[in-house]
N, C-alpha and C. Protein backbone atom coordinates (compact mmCIF):
# COMPACT_ATOMS: atom_id res chain seq x y z
N MET A 1 12.00 -7.31 4.59
CA MET A 1 12.61 -6.96 3.32
C MET A 1 13.37 -5.65 3.49
N GLU A 2 14.56 -5.63 2.98
CA GLU A 2 15.41 -4.45 3.11
C GLU A 2 14.85 -3.30 2.27
N SER A 3 15.06 -2.10 2.75
CA SER A 3 14.51 -0.92 2.07
C SER A 3 15.07 -0.75 0.66
N GLU A 4 16.33 -1.18 0.44
CA GLU A 4 16.90 -1.07 -0.91
C GLU A 4 16.15 -1.97 -1.89
N LYS A 5 15.80 -3.16 -1.43
CA LYS A 5 15.07 -4.09 -2.29
C LYS A 5 13.67 -3.58 -2.56
N PHE A 6 13.04 -3.01 -1.54
CA PHE A 6 11.70 -2.45 -1.73
C PHE A 6 11.75 -1.29 -2.71
N ALA A 7 12.77 -0.45 -2.59
CA ALA A 7 12.94 0.67 -3.51
C ALA A 7 13.15 0.17 -4.94
N ARG A 8 13.91 -0.89 -5.08
CA ARG A 8 14.14 -1.46 -6.42
C ARG A 8 12.84 -2.02 -6.99
N LEU A 9 12.05 -2.67 -6.17
CA LEU A 9 10.75 -3.19 -6.62
C LEU A 9 9.86 -2.04 -7.08
N SER A 10 9.83 -0.97 -6.33
CA SER A 10 9.05 0.21 -6.72
C SER A 10 9.57 0.81 -8.02
N GLU A 11 10.89 0.83 -8.15
CA GLU A 11 11.50 1.37 -9.37
C GLU A 11 11.11 0.53 -10.59
N LEU A 12 11.17 -0.79 -10.45
CA LEU A 12 10.79 -1.66 -11.56
C LEU A 12 9.31 -1.51 -11.91
N THR A 13 8.48 -1.30 -10.91
CA THR A 13 7.05 -1.08 -11.16
C THR A 13 6.84 0.21 -11.93
N ALA A 14 7.56 1.25 -11.57
CA ALA A 14 7.46 2.53 -12.28
C ALA A 14 7.94 2.38 -13.72
N ILE A 15 9.02 1.66 -13.91
CA ILE A 15 9.54 1.43 -15.26
C ILE A 15 8.51 0.67 -16.10
N ALA A 16 7.86 -0.32 -15.48
CA ALA A 16 6.87 -1.13 -16.20
C ALA A 16 5.69 -0.30 -16.67
N ARG A 17 5.42 0.79 -15.99
CA ARG A 17 4.33 1.68 -16.42
C ARG A 17 4.72 2.48 -17.66
N GLU A 18 6.01 2.68 -17.83
CA GLU A 18 6.51 3.49 -18.95
C GLU A 18 6.84 2.65 -20.18
N ARG A 19 7.35 1.46 -19.95
CA ARG A 19 7.76 0.59 -21.06
C ARG A 19 7.69 -0.86 -20.60
N GLU A 20 7.82 -1.75 -21.55
CA GLU A 20 7.84 -3.17 -21.22
C GLU A 20 9.19 -3.52 -20.59
N LEU A 21 9.14 -4.30 -19.53
CA LEU A 21 10.37 -4.72 -18.86
C LEU A 21 11.10 -5.76 -19.70
N THR A 22 12.42 -5.77 -19.59
CA THR A 22 13.21 -6.81 -20.24
C THR A 22 12.97 -8.11 -19.48
N PRO A 23 13.28 -9.25 -20.07
CA PRO A 23 13.12 -10.53 -19.36
C PRO A 23 13.89 -10.56 -18.04
N GLU A 24 15.07 -9.95 -18.01
CA GLU A 24 15.86 -9.91 -16.77
C GLU A 24 15.16 -9.08 -15.71
N GLU A 25 14.61 -7.95 -16.12
CA GLU A 25 13.89 -7.08 -15.19
C GLU A 25 12.62 -7.76 -14.68
N GLN A 26 11.93 -8.46 -15.58
CA GLN A 26 10.72 -9.18 -15.18
C GLN A 26 11.05 -10.25 -14.14
N SER A 27 12.15 -10.96 -14.38
CA SER A 27 12.58 -12.00 -13.45
C SER A 27 12.96 -11.40 -12.10
N GLU A 28 13.70 -10.30 -12.13
CA GLU A 28 14.09 -9.62 -10.89
C GLU A 28 12.86 -9.12 -10.14
N ARG A 29 11.92 -8.52 -10.86
CA ARG A 29 10.71 -8.00 -10.21
C ARG A 29 9.91 -9.13 -9.58
N GLN A 30 9.80 -10.27 -10.27
CA GLN A 30 9.06 -11.40 -9.71
C GLN A 30 9.73 -11.92 -8.44
N ALA A 31 11.06 -12.01 -8.46
CA ALA A 31 11.79 -12.48 -7.27
C ALA A 31 11.59 -11.51 -6.11
N LEU A 32 11.65 -10.20 -6.39
CA LEU A 32 11.44 -9.20 -5.34
C LEU A 32 10.01 -9.24 -4.82
N ARG A 33 9.04 -9.45 -5.71
CA ARG A 33 7.64 -9.56 -5.27
C ARG A 33 7.46 -10.76 -4.35
N ASN A 34 8.07 -11.89 -4.72
CA ASN A 34 7.96 -13.09 -3.89
C ASN A 34 8.57 -12.86 -2.51
N GLU A 35 9.72 -12.20 -2.48
CA GLU A 35 10.37 -11.90 -1.20
C GLU A 35 9.51 -10.96 -0.36
N TYR A 36 8.94 -9.95 -1.01
CA TYR A 36 8.07 -8.99 -0.31
C TYR A 36 6.84 -9.71 0.24
N ARG A 37 6.22 -10.55 -0.58
CA ARG A 37 5.03 -11.29 -0.16
C ARG A 37 5.35 -12.18 1.05
N ALA A 38 6.50 -12.85 1.02
CA ALA A 38 6.91 -13.71 2.13
C ALA A 38 7.12 -12.89 3.40
N ALA A 39 7.72 -11.71 3.27
CA ALA A 39 7.95 -10.85 4.44
C ALA A 39 6.64 -10.37 5.04
N VAL A 40 5.71 -9.95 4.19
CA VAL A 40 4.41 -9.46 4.67
C VAL A 40 3.63 -10.60 5.32
N THR A 41 3.64 -11.76 4.69
CA THR A 41 2.93 -12.92 5.24
C THR A 41 3.51 -13.32 6.59
N GLY A 42 4.83 -13.35 6.69
CA GLY A 42 5.48 -13.70 7.96
C GLY A 42 5.16 -12.70 9.05
N SER A 43 5.15 -11.43 8.71
CA SER A 43 4.84 -10.39 9.68
C SER A 43 3.40 -10.50 10.16
N LEU A 44 2.48 -10.72 9.23
CA LEU A 44 1.07 -10.87 9.59
C LEU A 44 0.86 -12.11 10.45
N ARG A 45 1.51 -13.20 10.08
CA ARG A 45 1.37 -14.44 10.84
C ARG A 45 1.88 -14.24 12.28
N ALA A 46 3.01 -13.56 12.43
CA ALA A 46 3.56 -13.29 13.77
C ALA A 46 2.60 -12.43 14.58
N GLN A 47 2.03 -11.42 13.94
CA GLN A 47 1.07 -10.54 14.62
C GLN A 47 -0.15 -11.33 15.09
N LEU A 48 -0.69 -12.17 14.21
CA LEU A 48 -1.88 -12.95 14.57
C LEU A 48 -1.56 -13.99 15.64
N ASN A 49 -0.36 -14.55 15.62
CA ASN A 49 0.01 -15.53 16.64
C ASN A 49 0.09 -14.92 18.03
N ASN A 50 0.23 -13.60 18.10
CA ASN A 50 0.31 -12.91 19.39
C ASN A 50 -0.96 -12.14 19.71
N THR A 51 -2.04 -12.42 19.00
CA THR A 51 -3.31 -11.73 19.21
C THR A 51 -4.26 -12.67 19.94
N THR A 52 -4.95 -12.14 20.94
CA THR A 52 -5.88 -12.93 21.74
C THR A 52 -7.28 -12.36 21.61
N ILE A 53 -8.25 -13.26 21.46
CA ILE A 53 -9.66 -12.88 21.43
C ILE A 53 -10.20 -13.08 22.84
N ILE A 54 -10.84 -12.06 23.39
CA ILE A 54 -11.50 -12.20 24.68
C ILE A 54 -12.98 -12.44 24.40
N ASN A 55 -13.43 -13.62 24.74
CA ASN A 55 -14.80 -14.03 24.47
C ASN A 55 -15.77 -13.39 25.47
N PRO A 56 -17.06 -13.33 25.13
CA PRO A 56 -18.05 -12.73 26.03
C PRO A 56 -18.08 -13.38 27.42
N ASP A 57 -17.75 -14.67 27.50
CA ASP A 57 -17.77 -15.35 28.80
C ASP A 57 -16.49 -15.11 29.60
N GLY A 58 -15.56 -14.31 29.07
CA GLY A 58 -14.34 -13.99 29.79
C GLY A 58 -13.16 -14.88 29.45
N SER A 59 -13.41 -15.93 28.69
CA SER A 59 -12.31 -16.80 28.30
C SER A 59 -11.50 -16.15 27.19
N CYS A 60 -10.27 -16.59 27.07
CA CYS A 60 -9.38 -16.05 26.04
C CYS A 60 -9.02 -17.15 25.05
N THR A 61 -8.95 -16.79 23.80
CA THR A 61 -8.56 -17.71 22.75
C THR A 61 -7.52 -17.03 21.88
N LYS A 62 -6.40 -17.70 21.68
CA LYS A 62 -5.41 -17.20 20.74
C LYS A 62 -6.03 -17.27 19.35
N VAL A 63 -5.76 -16.30 18.50
CA VAL A 63 -6.35 -16.26 17.16
C VAL A 63 -6.00 -17.52 16.39
N HIS A 64 -4.74 -17.97 16.45
CA HIS A 64 -4.38 -19.15 15.68
C HIS A 64 -5.10 -20.40 16.20
N GLU A 65 -5.39 -20.46 17.50
CA GLU A 65 -6.16 -21.58 18.04
C GLU A 65 -7.61 -21.48 17.57
N HIS A 66 -8.14 -20.28 17.53
CA HIS A 66 -9.52 -20.06 17.08
C HIS A 66 -9.66 -20.49 15.63
N ILE A 67 -8.71 -20.12 14.81
CA ILE A 67 -8.75 -20.47 13.39
C ILE A 67 -8.64 -21.97 13.20
N LEU A 68 -7.78 -22.61 13.97
CA LEU A 68 -7.57 -24.04 13.84
C LEU A 68 -8.58 -24.86 14.63
N GLY A 69 -9.50 -24.20 15.32
CA GLY A 69 -10.51 -24.91 16.10
C GLY A 69 -9.99 -25.42 17.42
N GLY A 70 -8.94 -24.78 17.93
CA GLY A 70 -8.35 -25.19 19.19
C GLY A 70 -9.23 -24.85 20.38
N LYS A 71 -8.83 -25.31 21.53
CA LYS A 71 -9.59 -25.06 22.75
C LYS A 71 -9.21 -23.71 23.34
N SER A 72 -10.18 -23.03 23.90
CA SER A 72 -9.90 -21.74 24.54
C SER A 72 -9.41 -21.99 25.95
N LYS A 73 -8.66 -21.03 26.47
CA LYS A 73 -8.15 -21.11 27.83
C LYS A 73 -8.96 -20.17 28.70
N LYS A 74 -9.48 -20.68 29.78
CA LYS A 74 -10.23 -19.85 30.73
C LYS A 74 -9.23 -19.01 31.51
N THR A 75 -9.58 -17.77 31.70
CA THR A 75 -8.73 -16.89 32.50
C THR A 75 -9.50 -16.44 33.72
N SER A 76 -8.75 -16.00 34.71
CA SER A 76 -9.40 -15.47 35.90
C SER A 76 -9.43 -13.95 35.79
N GLY A 77 -10.09 -13.45 34.75
CA GLY A 77 -10.14 -12.03 34.51
C GLY A 77 -11.31 -11.35 35.19
N GLU A 78 -11.91 -11.99 36.17
CA GLU A 78 -13.04 -11.39 36.87
C GLU A 78 -12.54 -10.40 37.90
N GLY A 79 -13.25 -9.28 38.01
CA GLY A 79 -12.93 -8.35 39.08
C GLY A 79 -12.37 -7.14 38.63
């Protein structure tokens, strides 16, 4: 999400604390919230897709495989 859009979302939130938003402002804020939520979710998903769990037996499991019940990959991490 672009910083200008994030700043606008923050601005609308501050305005909402002072007075009731107009229907147009409410609609804009909801659209910006949805965009922000999608950006955060996508970023988190990308981070988790690149995260590996190292099991006590030395095998490695990608987090998304672990969550989906996938098979772990044995590594030769001994030594």
